[in-house]
Amino acid sequence: MAMALGTPLNYDMMANIFSNPWMVVFYIVGVLTAVFHLSNGLWSFCVHWGILVSPRAQRIGTYVSIVIFILLGYVGIRAIFAFVA
């Protein structure tokens, strides 16, 4: 596998990128925004397609979306810190 510029991906390259604290922050923000976009999109999909119609169902859907955000955000951040020495 290679990045867009043709650089092969490996552990050493990612560890080198994450040696800069600003890059760690940049990647954490990126992961959290992507996870938020996913969880918010799932909630919006369910509302738009009539799966979550009532206010109670939407509230429960909100809690489910929050749990998805927290769990996937945790997994993503843990993956980032696997490269930080």
N, C-alpha and C. Protein backbone atom coordinates (compact mmCIF):
# COMPACT_ATOMS: atom_id res chain seq x y z
N MET A 1 0.85 -1.18 0.00
CA MET A 1 0.00 0.00 0.00
C MET A 1 0.89 1.23 0.00
N ALA A 2 0.44 2.29 -0.66
CA ALA A 2 1.24 3.50 -0.76
C ALA A 2 0.35 4.72 -0.62
N MET A 3 0.95 5.79 -0.13
CA MET A 3 0.22 7.06 -0.03
C MET A 3 0.10 7.64 -1.43
N ALA A 4 -0.60 8.75 -1.55
CA ALA A 4 -0.87 9.35 -2.85
C ALA A 4 0.41 9.74 -3.60
N LEU A 5 1.45 10.07 -2.87
CA LEU A 5 2.69 10.49 -3.52
C LEU A 5 3.61 9.32 -3.83
N GLY A 6 3.17 8.11 -3.61
CA GLY A 6 3.96 6.94 -3.94
C GLY A 6 4.88 6.48 -2.82
N THR A 7 4.81 7.11 -1.66
CA THR A 7 5.64 6.70 -0.53
C THR A 7 5.04 5.45 0.11
N PRO A 8 5.82 4.37 0.25
CA PRO A 8 5.24 3.18 0.89
C PRO A 8 4.92 3.43 2.36
N LEU A 9 3.79 2.88 2.80
CA LEU A 9 3.37 3.03 4.19
C LEU A 9 4.01 1.95 5.04
N ASN A 10 4.54 2.35 6.18
CA ASN A 10 5.06 1.39 7.14
C ASN A 10 5.05 2.02 8.53
N TYR A 11 5.31 1.20 9.51
CA TYR A 11 5.26 1.65 10.90
C TYR A 11 6.26 2.78 11.15
N ASP A 12 7.48 2.65 10.62
CA ASP A 12 8.50 3.66 10.87
C ASP A 12 8.10 5.03 10.34
N MET A 13 7.47 5.05 9.16
CA MET A 13 7.04 6.33 8.60
C MET A 13 5.99 6.99 9.50
N MET A 14 5.01 6.20 9.95
CA MET A 14 3.96 6.75 10.80
C MET A 14 4.53 7.18 12.16
N ALA A 15 5.45 6.40 12.71
CA ALA A 15 6.08 6.77 13.97
C ALA A 15 6.85 8.08 13.81
N ASN A 16 7.48 8.27 12.65
CA ASN A 16 8.21 9.51 12.37
C ASN A 16 7.24 10.69 12.27
N ILE A 17 6.11 10.49 11.61
CA ILE A 17 5.11 11.56 11.51
C ILE A 17 4.61 11.93 12.89
N PHE A 18 4.33 10.92 13.72
CA PHE A 18 3.77 11.18 15.04
C PHE A 18 4.82 11.59 16.07
N SER A 19 6.07 11.72 15.67
CA SER A 19 7.07 12.26 16.59
C SER A 19 6.86 13.76 16.80
N ASN A 20 6.14 14.40 15.88
CA ASN A 20 5.80 15.81 16.00
C ASN A 20 4.46 15.92 16.73
N PRO A 21 4.42 16.57 17.90
CA PRO A 21 3.16 16.65 18.66
C PRO A 21 2.03 17.34 17.90
N TRP A 22 2.36 18.29 17.02
CA TRP A 22 1.32 18.97 16.25
C TRP A 22 0.66 18.02 15.26
N MET A 23 1.41 17.08 14.74
CA MET A 23 0.83 16.10 13.82
C MET A 23 -0.09 15.14 14.58
N VAL A 24 0.26 14.82 15.80
CA VAL A 24 -0.61 13.97 16.63
C VAL A 24 -1.95 14.68 16.84
N VAL A 25 -1.89 15.97 17.19
CA VAL A 25 -3.11 16.75 17.38
C VAL A 25 -3.90 16.82 16.07
N PHE A 26 -3.21 17.05 14.97
CA PHE A 26 -3.86 17.14 13.65
C PHE A 26 -4.59 15.84 13.32
N TYR A 27 -3.96 14.70 13.54
CA TYR A 27 -4.57 13.41 13.26
C TYR A 27 -5.73 13.11 14.22
N ILE A 28 -5.59 13.49 15.48
CA ILE A 28 -6.69 13.28 16.44
C ILE A 28 -7.91 14.09 16.02
N VAL A 29 -7.70 15.34 15.66
CA VAL A 29 -8.81 16.18 15.21
C VAL A 29 -9.43 15.57 13.95
N GLY A 30 -8.61 15.09 13.04
CA GLY A 30 -9.11 14.48 11.81
C GLY A 30 -9.93 13.23 12.08
N VAL A 31 -9.45 12.39 12.97
CA VAL A 31 -10.18 11.16 13.31
C VAL A 31 -11.51 11.51 13.98
N LEU A 32 -11.49 12.43 14.92
CA LEU A 32 -12.72 12.78 15.63
C LEU A 32 -13.74 13.44 14.71
N THR A 33 -13.28 14.27 13.78
CA THR A 33 -14.23 14.88 12.85
C THR A 33 -14.82 13.85 11.90
N ALA A 34 -14.02 12.89 11.45
CA ALA A 34 -14.53 11.83 10.58
C ALA A 34 -15.54 10.94 11.32
N VAL A 35 -15.24 10.62 12.57
CA VAL A 35 -16.15 9.79 13.36
C VAL A 35 -17.44 10.56 13.65
N PHE A 36 -17.33 11.85 13.94
CA PHE A 36 -18.53 12.66 14.15
C PHE A 36 -19.37 12.70 12.88
N HIS A 37 -18.73 12.88 11.74
CA HIS A 37 -19.44 12.92 10.46
C HIS A 37 -20.20 11.60 10.22
N LEU A 38 -19.57 10.48 10.54
CA LEU A 38 -20.22 9.18 10.40
C LEU A 38 -21.41 9.05 11.34
N SER A 39 -21.21 9.31 12.62
CA SER A 39 -22.29 9.11 13.58
C SER A 39 -23.44 10.09 13.34
N ASN A 40 -23.13 11.32 13.01
CA ASN A 40 -24.17 12.30 12.69
C ASN A 40 -24.90 11.91 11.40
N GLY A 41 -24.17 11.40 10.43
CA GLY A 41 -24.79 10.96 9.18
C GLY A 41 -25.72 9.77 9.39
N LEU A 42 -25.33 8.85 10.27
CA LEU A 42 -26.21 7.72 10.57
C LEU A 42 -27.52 8.21 11.20
N TRP A 43 -27.42 9.15 12.14
CA TRP A 43 -28.61 9.69 12.78
C TRP A 43 -29.48 10.40 11.74
N SER A 44 -28.86 11.24 10.90
CA SER A 44 -29.61 11.97 9.88
C SER A 44 -30.27 11.02 8.89
N PHE A 45 -29.56 9.96 8.52
CA PHE A 45 -30.13 8.96 7.62
C PHE A 45 -31.38 8.34 8.23
N CYS A 46 -31.29 7.97 9.49
CA CYS A 46 -32.43 7.33 10.16
C CYS A 46 -33.62 8.28 10.27
N VAL A 47 -33.37 9.56 10.51
CA VAL A 47 -34.47 10.52 10.59
C VAL A 47 -35.06 10.74 9.20
N HIS A 48 -34.21 10.94 8.20
CA HIS A 48 -34.67 11.24 6.85
C HIS A 48 -35.46 10.08 6.24
N TRP A 49 -35.07 8.86 6.51
CA TRP A 49 -35.73 7.69 5.93
C TRP A 49 -36.89 7.19 6.79
N GLY A 50 -37.24 7.91 7.84
CA GLY A 50 -38.40 7.56 8.62
C GLY A 50 -38.19 6.44 9.62
N ILE A 51 -36.94 6.14 9.94
CA ILE A 51 -36.65 5.10 10.93
C ILE A 51 -36.83 5.66 12.34
N LEU A 52 -36.40 6.91 12.51
CA LEU A 52 -36.56 7.60 13.81
C LEU A 52 -37.58 8.71 13.63
N VAL A 53 -38.86 8.38 13.83
CA VAL A 53 -39.93 9.34 13.55
C VAL A 53 -40.32 10.14 14.79
N SER A 54 -40.59 9.46 15.87
CA SER A 54 -41.08 10.14 17.07
C SER A 54 -39.92 10.83 17.82
N PRO A 55 -40.25 11.84 18.62
CA PRO A 55 -39.21 12.50 19.42
C PRO A 55 -38.47 11.53 20.34
N ARG A 56 -39.19 10.55 20.89
CA ARG A 56 -38.54 9.55 21.76
C ARG A 56 -37.55 8.71 20.97
N ALA A 57 -37.95 8.28 19.78
CA ALA A 57 -37.05 7.49 18.93
C ALA A 57 -35.83 8.31 18.52
N GLN A 58 -36.04 9.59 18.24
CA GLN A 58 -34.91 10.45 17.87
C GLN A 58 -33.96 10.64 19.05
N ARG A 59 -34.51 10.75 20.25
CA ARG A 59 -33.67 10.88 21.44
C ARG A 59 -32.84 9.61 21.65
N ILE A 60 -33.47 8.45 21.50
CA ILE A 60 -32.74 7.19 21.63
C ILE A 60 -31.69 7.08 20.52
N GLY A 61 -32.05 7.49 19.31
CA GLY A 61 -31.10 7.51 18.20
C GLY A 61 -29.92 8.42 18.48
N THR A 62 -30.19 9.54 19.15
CA THR A 62 -29.11 10.45 19.53
C THR A 62 -28.14 9.77 20.49
N TYR A 63 -28.70 9.06 21.47
CA TYR A 63 -27.83 8.35 22.43
C TYR A 63 -27.02 7.26 21.73
N VAL A 64 -27.63 6.55 20.81
CA VAL A 64 -26.91 5.52 20.06
C VAL A 64 -25.80 6.16 19.23
N SER A 65 -26.08 7.29 18.60
CA SER A 65 -25.06 7.99 17.82
C SER A 65 -23.92 8.47 18.70
N ILE A 66 -24.23 8.92 19.90
CA ILE A 66 -23.19 9.36 20.83
C ILE A 66 -22.31 8.18 21.23
N VAL A 67 -22.92 7.04 21.49
CA VAL A 67 -22.15 5.84 21.85
C VAL A 67 -21.25 5.43 20.69
N ILE A 68 -21.78 5.46 19.46
CA ILE A 68 -20.97 5.13 18.29
C ILE A 68 -19.79 6.09 18.18
N PHE A 69 -20.05 7.39 18.37
CA PHE A 69 -18.99 8.39 18.31
C PHE A 69 -17.91 8.11 19.36
N ILE A 70 -18.33 7.84 20.58
CA ILE A 70 -17.36 7.61 21.66
C ILE A 70 -16.54 6.34 21.40
N LEU A 71 -17.20 5.27 21.02
CA LEU A 71 -16.48 4.01 20.81
C LEU A 71 -15.51 4.10 19.63
N LEU A 72 -15.97 4.59 18.49
CA LEU A 72 -15.08 4.69 17.33
C LEU A 72 -14.00 5.75 17.53
N GLY A 73 -14.34 6.83 18.23
CA GLY A 73 -13.32 7.84 18.55
C GLY A 73 -12.23 7.25 19.43
N TYR A 74 -12.63 6.45 20.40
CA TYR A 74 -11.66 5.79 21.28
C TYR A 74 -10.75 4.85 20.49
N VAL A 75 -11.35 4.06 19.61
CA VAL A 75 -10.55 3.13 18.79
C VAL A 75 -9.57 3.91 17.90
N GLY A 76 -10.04 4.98 17.29
CA GLY A 76 -9.18 5.78 16.42
C GLY A 76 -8.03 6.44 17.16
N ILE A 77 -8.33 6.98 18.33
CA ILE A 77 -7.27 7.64 19.10
C ILE A 77 -6.27 6.61 19.64
N ARG A 78 -6.77 5.46 20.04
CA ARG A 78 -5.86 4.39 20.49
C ARG A 78 -4.95 3.95 19.34
N ALA A 79 -5.47 3.90 18.14
CA ALA A 79 -4.65 3.53 16.98
C ALA A 79 -3.56 4.56 16.74
N ILE A 80 -3.89 5.84 16.90
CA ILE A 80 -2.88 6.89 16.74
C ILE A 80 -1.80 6.74 17.79
N PHE A 81 -2.20 6.53 19.03
CA PHE A 81 -1.20 6.45 20.10
C PHE A 81 -0.41 5.14 20.08
N ALA A 82 -0.81 4.19 19.25
CA ALA A 82 0.00 2.99 19.06
C ALA A 82 1.33 3.33 18.37
N PHE A 83 1.33 4.44 17.63
CA PHE A 83 2.55 4.86 16.92
C PHE A 83 3.42 5.80 17.75
N VAL A 84 2.85 6.40 18.79
CA VAL A 84 3.59 7.38 19.60
C VAL A 84 4.43 6.61 20.62
N ALA A 85 5.71 6.88 20.60
CA ALA A 85 6.62 6.17 21.51
C ALA A 85 6.69 6.83 22.87
